[in-house]
Amino acid sequence: MNTPLTDQDRKSHSARCGHVRRCILSGTPMSKKVRDFALAVIESSRNGFSDMAFLDGIARKLEQQAPLSEYEGHIMVDVLLPHSRLKGRL
């Protein structure tokens, strides 16, 4: 059972999503904390995503701090992060 989220929890989650988004779009390296959050978003998205190998590839690139392809960046920025933001939690 999910516990109700406070406004502060939702805002914090949304801000972390924004950090990941800005790093991906600008091509700047992510700090360990931001990278760990991005990996947690990928992990929590596994239930609703059909191509696990694709998600594994994105996770591997993030762990190695390698740049994402345009399509991988699009999936993170326009699909996984907004979905996580709407849920308000991982």
Protein backbone atom coordinates (compact mmCIF):
# COMPACT_ATOMS: atom_id res chain seq x y z
CA MET A 1 0.00 0.00 0.00
CA ASN A 2 1.33 3.43 -0.91
CA THR A 3 1.54 6.07 1.75
CA PRO A 4 0.26 9.54 0.87
CA LEU A 5 2.94 11.92 -0.31
CA THR A 6 3.45 15.34 1.15
CA ASP A 7 3.86 18.39 -1.05
CA GLN A 8 7.51 18.54 -0.02
CA ASP A 9 8.08 14.94 -1.19
CA ARG A 10 6.48 15.66 -4.57
CA LYS A 11 8.46 18.89 -5.03
CA SER A 12 11.71 17.16 -4.08
CA HIS A 13 11.05 14.34 -6.55
CA SER A 14 10.14 16.81 -9.29
CA ALA A 15 13.32 18.83 -8.64
CA ARG A 16 15.49 15.71 -8.90
CA CYS A 17 13.78 14.83 -12.19
CA GLY A 18 14.63 18.34 -13.38
CA HIS A 19 18.31 17.88 -12.45
CA VAL A 20 18.49 14.66 -14.48
CA ARG A 21 16.70 16.30 -17.42
CA ARG A 22 19.03 19.31 -17.47
CA CYS A 23 22.13 17.12 -17.31
CA ILE A 24 20.93 14.94 -20.19
CA LEU A 25 19.90 17.86 -22.41
CA SER A 26 23.07 19.89 -21.78
CA GLY A 27 25.41 16.89 -21.95
CA THR A 28 27.03 17.73 -18.62
CA PRO A 29 28.19 14.89 -16.36
CA MET A 30 25.83 13.94 -13.54
CA SER A 31 26.89 13.99 -9.93
CA LYS A 32 26.74 10.63 -8.15
CA LYS A 33 23.54 11.62 -6.36
CA VAL A 34 21.78 12.67 -9.58
CA ARG A 35 23.06 9.58 -11.43
CA ASP A 36 21.79 7.30 -8.65
CA PHE A 37 18.38 8.95 -8.89
CA ALA A 38 18.33 8.51 -12.70
CA LEU A 39 19.19 4.82 -12.27
CA ALA A 40 16.41 4.48 -9.70
CA VAL A 41 13.94 6.00 -12.19
CA ILE A 42 15.03 3.45 -14.79
CA GLU A 43 14.68 0.62 -12.28
CA SER A 44 11.19 1.73 -11.25
CA SER A 45 10.14 1.96 -14.92
CA ARG A 46 10.85 -1.69 -15.66
CA ASN A 47 7.26 -2.80 -14.94
CA GLY A 48 5.71 -0.77 -17.75
CA PHE A 49 8.49 -0.99 -20.34
CA SER A 50 8.72 -3.79 -22.87
CA ASP A 51 12.39 -3.60 -23.91
CA MET A 52 14.51 -4.44 -20.86
CA ALA A 53 17.72 -4.62 -22.92
CA PHE A 54 17.19 -1.02 -24.01
CA LEU A 55 16.75 0.13 -20.40
CA ASP A 56 19.83 -1.86 -19.41
CA GLY A 57 21.80 -0.05 -22.13
CA ILE A 58 20.71 3.36 -20.84
CA ALA A 59 21.58 2.35 -17.28
CA ARG A 60 24.98 1.06 -18.37
CA LYS A 61 25.77 4.32 -20.18
CA LEU A 62 24.71 6.37 -17.15
CA GLU A 63 26.89 4.26 -14.85
CA GLN A 64 29.87 4.76 -17.18
CA GLN A 65 29.03 8.45 -17.62
CA ALA A 66 28.93 7.90 -21.38
CA PRO A 67 26.74 10.20 -23.48
CA LEU A 68 23.29 8.90 -24.37
CA SER A 69 22.20 8.70 -27.99
CA GLU A 70 19.56 11.16 -29.12
CA TYR A 71 16.87 8.46 -28.90
CA GLU A 72 17.98 7.27 -25.44
CA GLY A 73 17.97 10.86 -24.22
CA HIS A 74 14.50 11.34 -25.66
CA ILE A 75 13.19 8.26 -23.86
CA MET A 76 14.64 9.45 -20.54
CA VAL A 77 13.57 13.11 -20.89
CA ASP A 78 10.20 12.71 -22.62
CA VAL A 79 8.97 9.34 -21.35
CA LEU A 80 10.54 7.99 -18.16
CA LEU A 81 11.08 11.23 -16.23
CA PRO A 82 7.60 12.72 -16.87
CA HIS A 83 6.01 9.40 -15.92
CA SER A 84 8.02 9.34 -12.70
CA ARG A 85 7.13 12.98 -12.08
CA LEU A 86 3.42 12.23 -12.48
CA LYS A 87 3.66 9.38 -10.01
CA GLY A 88 5.54 11.68 -7.66
CA ARG A 89 7.76 8.89 -6.40
CA LEU A 90 10.00 6.06 -7.57
